[in-house]
Amino acid sequence: MCNLYGMAAGFQAMSFILRTADEIDVWMNAPAEEALQLQRPLPDNELVVLKQ
């Protein structure tokens, strides 16, 4: 499931953002089952869309 912005753009796959050093460490070093838990929608209020 995408967040509000992903749905509006019509994305077919969910991208994700590693937001902390701990999340980067998990992504790079943890077993796949644990690392894949990081693939979750970013809360709508934590994403800022800038005008180009």
C-alpha atoms as a PDB file:
ATOM      1  CA  MET A   1       0.000   0.000   0.000  1.00  0.00           C
ATOM      2  CA  CYS A   2       1.324   3.438  -0.919  1.00  0.00           C
ATOM      3  CA  ASN A   3       0.930   6.575   1.115  1.00  0.00           C
ATOM      4  CA  LEU A   4      -1.350   9.384  -0.049  1.00  0.00           C
ATOM      5  CA  TYR A   5       1.253  10.875  -2.393  1.00  0.00           C
ATOM      6  CA  GLY A   6       2.153   7.560  -3.996  1.00  0.00           C
ATOM      7  CA  MET A   7      -1.482   6.822  -4.727  1.00  0.00           C
ATOM      8  CA  ALA A   8      -1.965  10.247  -6.301  1.00  0.00           C
ATOM      9  CA  ALA A   9       1.025   9.677  -8.585  1.00  0.00           C
ATOM     10  CA  GLY A  10      -0.210   6.210  -9.552  1.00  0.00           C
ATOM     11  CA  PHE A  11       2.901   4.328  -8.417  1.00  0.00           C
ATOM     12  CA  GLN A  12       2.859   0.593  -9.041  1.00  0.00           C
ATOM     13  CA  ALA A  13       5.449  -0.257  -6.363  1.00  0.00           C
ATOM     14  CA  MET A  14       6.127   1.178  -2.941  1.00  0.00           C
ATOM     15  CA  SER A  15       9.457   2.906  -2.539  1.00  0.00           C
ATOM     16  CA  PHE A  16      10.841   3.589   0.898  1.00  0.00           C
ATOM     17  CA  ILE A  17      13.151   5.978   2.682  1.00  0.00           C
ATOM     18  CA  LEU A  18      15.629   5.018   5.375  1.00  0.00           C
ATOM     19  CA  ARG A  19      15.258   7.863   7.875  1.00  0.00           C
ATOM     20  CA  THR A  20      17.699   7.027  10.659  1.00  0.00           C
ATOM     21  CA  ALA A  21      21.170   5.569  11.135  1.00  0.00           C
ATOM     22  CA  ASP A  22      19.537   2.589  12.866  1.00  0.00           C
ATOM     23  CA  GLU A  23      17.327   1.918   9.838  1.00  0.00           C
ATOM     24  CA  ILE A  24      20.360   2.061   7.541  1.00  0.00           C
ATOM     25  CA  ASP A  25      22.189  -0.398   9.799  1.00  0.00           C
ATOM     26  CA  VAL A  26      19.244  -2.796   9.774  1.00  0.00           C
ATOM     27  CA  TRP A  27      18.906  -2.549   5.971  1.00  0.00           C
ATOM     28  CA  MET A  28      22.599  -3.225   5.431  1.00  0.00           C
ATOM     29  CA  ASN A  29      23.256  -5.849   8.116  1.00  0.00           C
ATOM     30  CA  ALA A  30      20.126  -7.576   9.368  1.00  0.00           C
ATOM     31  CA  PRO A  31      18.661 -10.791   7.995  1.00  0.00           C
ATOM     32  CA  ALA A  32      16.354 -10.176   5.028  1.00  0.00           C
ATOM     33  CA  GLU A  33      13.209 -10.945   7.014  1.00  0.00           C
ATOM     34  CA  GLU A  34      14.018  -8.149   9.472  1.00  0.00           C
ATOM     35  CA  ALA A  35      15.287  -5.679   6.853  1.00  0.00           C
ATOM     36  CA  LEU A  36      12.179  -6.077   4.703  1.00  0.00           C
ATOM     37  CA  GLN A  37      10.068  -4.776   7.603  1.00  0.00           C
ATOM     38  CA  LEU A  38      11.444  -1.337   6.655  1.00  0.00           C
ATOM     39  CA  GLN A  39       9.341  -1.411   3.472  1.00  0.00           C
ATOM     40  CA  ARG A  40       6.321   0.427   4.788  1.00  0.00           C
ATOM     41  CA  PRO A  41       4.504   3.576   3.707  1.00  0.00           C
ATOM     42  CA  LEU A  42       5.918   6.849   4.968  1.00  0.00           C
ATOM     43  CA  PRO A  43       3.252   8.599   7.047  1.00  0.00           C
ATOM     44  CA  ASP A  44       1.604  11.326   4.949  1.00  0.00           C
ATOM     45  CA  ASN A  45       2.557  14.039   7.438  1.00  0.00           C
ATOM     46  CA  GLU A  46       6.290  13.173   7.164  1.00  0.00           C
ATOM     47  CA  LEU A  47       6.618  13.829   3.441  1.00  0.00           C
ATOM     48  CA  VAL A  48       6.891  17.332   2.012  1.00  0.00           C
ATOM     49  CA  VAL A  49       6.260  17.803  -1.690  1.00  0.00           C
ATOM     50  CA  LEU A  50       8.160  20.775  -3.105  1.00  0.00           C
ATOM     51  CA  LYS A  51       7.119  22.698  -6.191  1.00  0.00           C
ATOM     52  CA  GLN A  52       9.695  22.435  -8.965  1.00  0.00           C
END
